Amino acid sequence: MAEERKKTEFKISGMTCATCVKTIENALKRLDGIVSVIVNLGAEKAYVTYNPKMTTVADMKKAIEEAGYQYPGVEGEETEDLEDLISKCKTLGIGILCVNVNEKGSV
């Protein structure tokens, strides 16, 4: 039976050089269940293939942060969070006057 694999794409902030890339790759590769890691400095992203039965996104977030970098989230996560926030506010009858969204899509 083939091992279960899942792919995810993280945003990573705070990288400035190739050493940063290598540090993050090594931190993630130390986790059990990581199949492959590619970190792109210019895109500020990590592309990870992993076995979800052996490691979690929370484990990867912790590894990134313990290596000294910021983990803004999984690609596409902020948009969903913003939509959820707006929906909850409407349900509760709370009005939203203005929402600032930065260039990375964070509120």
C-alpha atoms as a PDB file:
ATOM      1  CA  MET A   1       0.000   0.000   0.000  1.00  0.00           C
ATOM      2  CA  ALA A   2       1.375   3.413  -0.989  1.00  0.00           C
ATOM      3  CA  GLU A   3       2.121   5.965   1.689  1.00  0.00           C
ATOM      4  CA  GLU A   4      -0.393   8.820   1.883  1.00  0.00           C
ATOM      5  CA  ARG A   5       0.966  12.113   0.549  1.00  0.00           C
ATOM      6  CA  LYS A   6      -0.341  15.617   0.697  1.00  0.00           C
ATOM      7  CA  LYS A   7       1.068  18.843  -0.777  1.00  0.00           C
ATOM      8  CA  THR A   8       0.884  22.282   0.748  1.00  0.00           C
ATOM      9  CA  GLU A   9       2.272  25.726   0.020  1.00  0.00           C
ATOM     10  CA  PHE A  10       3.298  28.026   2.898  1.00  0.00           C
ATOM     11  CA  LYS A  11       4.098  31.679   2.928  1.00  0.00           C
ATOM     12  CA  ILE A  12       7.291  32.472   4.859  1.00  0.00           C
ATOM     13  CA  SER A  13       8.476  35.928   5.922  1.00  0.00           C
ATOM     14  CA  GLY A  14      11.876  37.031   7.131  1.00  0.00           C
ATOM     15  CA  MET A  15      14.122  35.274   4.592  1.00  0.00           C
ATOM     16  CA  THR A  16      16.948  37.372   3.152  1.00  0.00           C
ATOM     17  CA  CYS A  17      19.425  34.927   1.621  1.00  0.00           C
ATOM     18  CA  ALA A  18      20.259  31.384   0.534  1.00  0.00           C
ATOM     19  CA  THR A  19      21.264  30.500   4.095  1.00  0.00           C
ATOM     20  CA  CYS A  20      17.728  31.339   5.237  1.00  0.00           C
ATOM     21  CA  VAL A  21      16.349  29.020   2.565  1.00  0.00           C
ATOM     22  CA  LYS A  22      18.637  26.184   3.673  1.00  0.00           C
ATOM     23  CA  THR A  23      17.783  26.756   7.348  1.00  0.00           C
ATOM     24  CA  ILE A  24      14.047  26.453   6.664  1.00  0.00           C
ATOM     25  CA  GLU A  25      14.490  23.433   4.389  1.00  0.00           C
ATOM     26  CA  ASN A  26      16.539  21.671   7.065  1.00  0.00           C
ATOM     27  CA  ALA A  27      14.060  22.537   9.830  1.00  0.00           C
ATOM     28  CA  LEU A  28      11.183  21.071   7.830  1.00  0.00           C
ATOM     29  CA  LYS A  29      13.128  18.011   6.653  1.00  0.00           C
ATOM     30  CA  ARG A  30      13.849  17.081  10.290  1.00  0.00           C
ATOM     31  CA  LEU A  31      10.139  16.432  10.845  1.00  0.00           C
ATOM     32  CA  ASP A  32       8.922  12.857  10.463  1.00  0.00           C
ATOM     33  CA  GLY A  33       6.751  12.382   7.382  1.00  0.00           C
ATOM     34  CA  ILE A  34       8.275  15.123   5.216  1.00  0.00           C
ATOM     35  CA  VAL A  35       8.766  13.745   1.709  1.00  0.00           C
ATOM     36  CA  SER A  36      10.135  16.851  -0.037  1.00  0.00           C
ATOM     37  CA  VAL A  37      10.696  20.555   0.636  1.00  0.00           C
ATOM     38  CA  ILE A  38      11.430  23.334  -1.832  1.00  0.00           C
ATOM     39  CA  VAL A  39      11.824  26.871  -0.461  1.00  0.00           C
ATOM     40  CA  ASN A  40      11.719  29.782  -2.913  1.00  0.00           C
ATOM     41  CA  LEU A  41      13.377  32.942  -1.572  1.00  0.00           C
ATOM     42  CA  GLY A  42      11.957  35.291  -4.228  1.00  0.00           C
ATOM     43  CA  ALA A  43       8.391  34.032  -3.836  1.00  0.00           C
ATOM     44  CA  GLU A  44       8.734  33.780  -0.036  1.00  0.00           C
ATOM     45  CA  LYS A  45       7.135  30.332  -0.154  1.00  0.00           C
ATOM     46  CA  ALA A  46       7.806  26.743   0.806  1.00  0.00           C
ATOM     47  CA  TYR A  47       6.354  23.876  -1.203  1.00  0.00           C
ATOM     48  CA  VAL A  48       6.068  20.765   0.946  1.00  0.00           C
ATOM     49  CA  THR A  49       5.003  17.199   0.237  1.00  0.00           C
ATOM     50  CA  TYR A  50       4.315  15.225   3.409  1.00  0.00           C
ATOM     51  CA  ASN A  51       2.540  12.279   4.992  1.00  0.00           C
ATOM     52  CA  PRO A  52      -0.383  13.752   7.005  1.00  0.00           C
ATOM     53  CA  LYS A  53      -0.450  10.645   9.217  1.00  0.00           C
ATOM     54  CA  MET A  54       3.054  11.487  10.457  1.00  0.00           C
ATOM     55  CA  THR A  55       3.155  15.302  10.622  1.00  0.00           C
ATOM     56  CA  THR A  56       0.750  18.240  10.518  1.00  0.00           C
ATOM     57  CA  VAL A  57       0.678  21.789   9.215  1.00  0.00           C
ATOM     58  CA  ALA A  58       0.892  22.903  12.860  1.00  0.00           C
ATOM     59  CA  ASP A  59       4.156  20.931  13.233  1.00  0.00           C
ATOM     60  CA  MET A  60       5.562  22.646  10.138  1.00  0.00           C
ATOM     61  CA  LYS A  61       4.466  26.077  11.379  1.00  0.00           C
ATOM     62  CA  LYS A  62       6.228  25.429  14.690  1.00  0.00           C
ATOM     63  CA  ALA A  63       9.423  24.298  12.902  1.00  0.00           C
ATOM     64  CA  ILE A  64       9.442  27.442  10.730  1.00  0.00           C
ATOM     65  CA  GLU A  65       8.891  29.743  13.700  1.00  0.00           C
ATOM     66  CA  GLU A  66      11.465  27.938  15.869  1.00  0.00           C
ATOM     67  CA  ALA A  67      13.975  28.422  13.039  1.00  0.00           C
ATOM     68  CA  GLY A  68      13.411  32.181  13.449  1.00  0.00           C
ATOM     69  CA  TYR A  69      11.053  32.965  10.563  1.00  0.00           C
ATOM     70  CA  GLN A  70       7.463  34.137  10.327  1.00  0.00           C
ATOM     71  CA  TYR A  71       4.664  31.869   9.133  1.00  0.00           C
ATOM     72  CA  PRO A  72       1.875  34.042   7.677  1.00  0.00           C
ATOM     73  CA  GLY A  73      -0.053  30.899   6.705  1.00  0.00           C
ATOM     74  CA  VAL A  74      -0.941  28.414   4.037  1.00  0.00           C
ATOM     75  CA  GLU A  75      -1.432  29.890   0.554  1.00  0.00           C
ATOM     76  CA  GLY A  76      -5.053  31.072   0.203  1.00  0.00           C
ATOM     77  CA  GLU A  77      -5.739  30.921   3.948  1.00  0.00           C
ATOM     78  CA  GLU A  78      -6.274  34.671   4.530  1.00  0.00           C
ATOM     79  CA  THR A  79      -8.957  35.002   1.882  1.00  0.00           C
ATOM     80  CA  GLU A  80     -10.965  32.248   3.492  1.00  0.00           C
ATOM     81  CA  ASP A  81     -10.440  33.770   6.944  1.00  0.00           C
ATOM     82  CA  LEU A  82     -11.609  37.189   5.746  1.00  0.00           C
ATOM     83  CA  GLU A  83     -14.691  35.674   4.137  1.00  0.00           C
ATOM     84  CA  ASP A  84     -15.448  33.780   7.366  1.00  0.00           C
ATOM     85  CA  LEU A  85     -15.027  36.975   9.407  1.00  0.00           C
ATOM     86  CA  ILE A  86     -17.394  38.926   7.170  1.00  0.00           C
ATOM     87  CA  SER A  87     -19.948  36.108   7.288  1.00  0.00           C
ATOM     88  CA  LYS A  88     -19.788  35.919  11.106  1.00  0.00           C
ATOM     89  CA  CYS A  89     -20.163  39.690  11.412  1.00  0.00           C
ATOM     90  CA  LYS A  90     -23.243  39.628   9.169  1.00  0.00           C
ATOM     91  CA  THR A  91     -24.724  36.768  11.192  1.00  0.00           C
ATOM     92  CA  LEU A  92     -24.181  38.701  14.417  1.00  0.00           C
ATOM     93  CA  GLY A  93     -25.522  41.928  12.896  1.00  0.00           C
ATOM     94  CA  ILE A  94     -22.161  43.680  13.201  1.00  0.00           C
ATOM     95  CA  GLY A  95     -21.412  46.204  10.481  1.00  0.00           C
ATOM     96  CA  ILE A  96     -18.027  46.450   8.797  1.00  0.00           C
ATOM     97  CA  LEU A  97     -17.031  49.940   7.693  1.00  0.00           C
ATOM     98  CA  CYS A  98     -13.547  49.324   6.337  1.00  0.00           C
ATOM     99  CA  VAL A  99     -11.086  46.502   6.032  1.00  0.00           C
ATOM    100  CA  ASN A 100      -7.435  47.108   5.144  1.00  0.00           C
ATOM    101  CA  VAL A 101      -5.840  44.268   3.186  1.00  0.00           C
ATOM    102  CA  ASN A 102      -2.085  44.407   2.689  1.00  0.00           C
ATOM    103  CA  GLU A 103      -0.282  43.336  -0.497  1.00  0.00           C
ATOM    104  CA  LYS A 104       0.008  39.756   0.794  1.00  0.00           C
ATOM    105  CA  GLY A 105      -3.725  39.472   1.381  1.00  0.00           C
ATOM    106  CA  SER A 106      -3.590  39.748   5.185  1.00  0.00           C
ATOM    107  CA  VAL A 107      -6.059  41.844   7.119  1.00  0.00           C
END
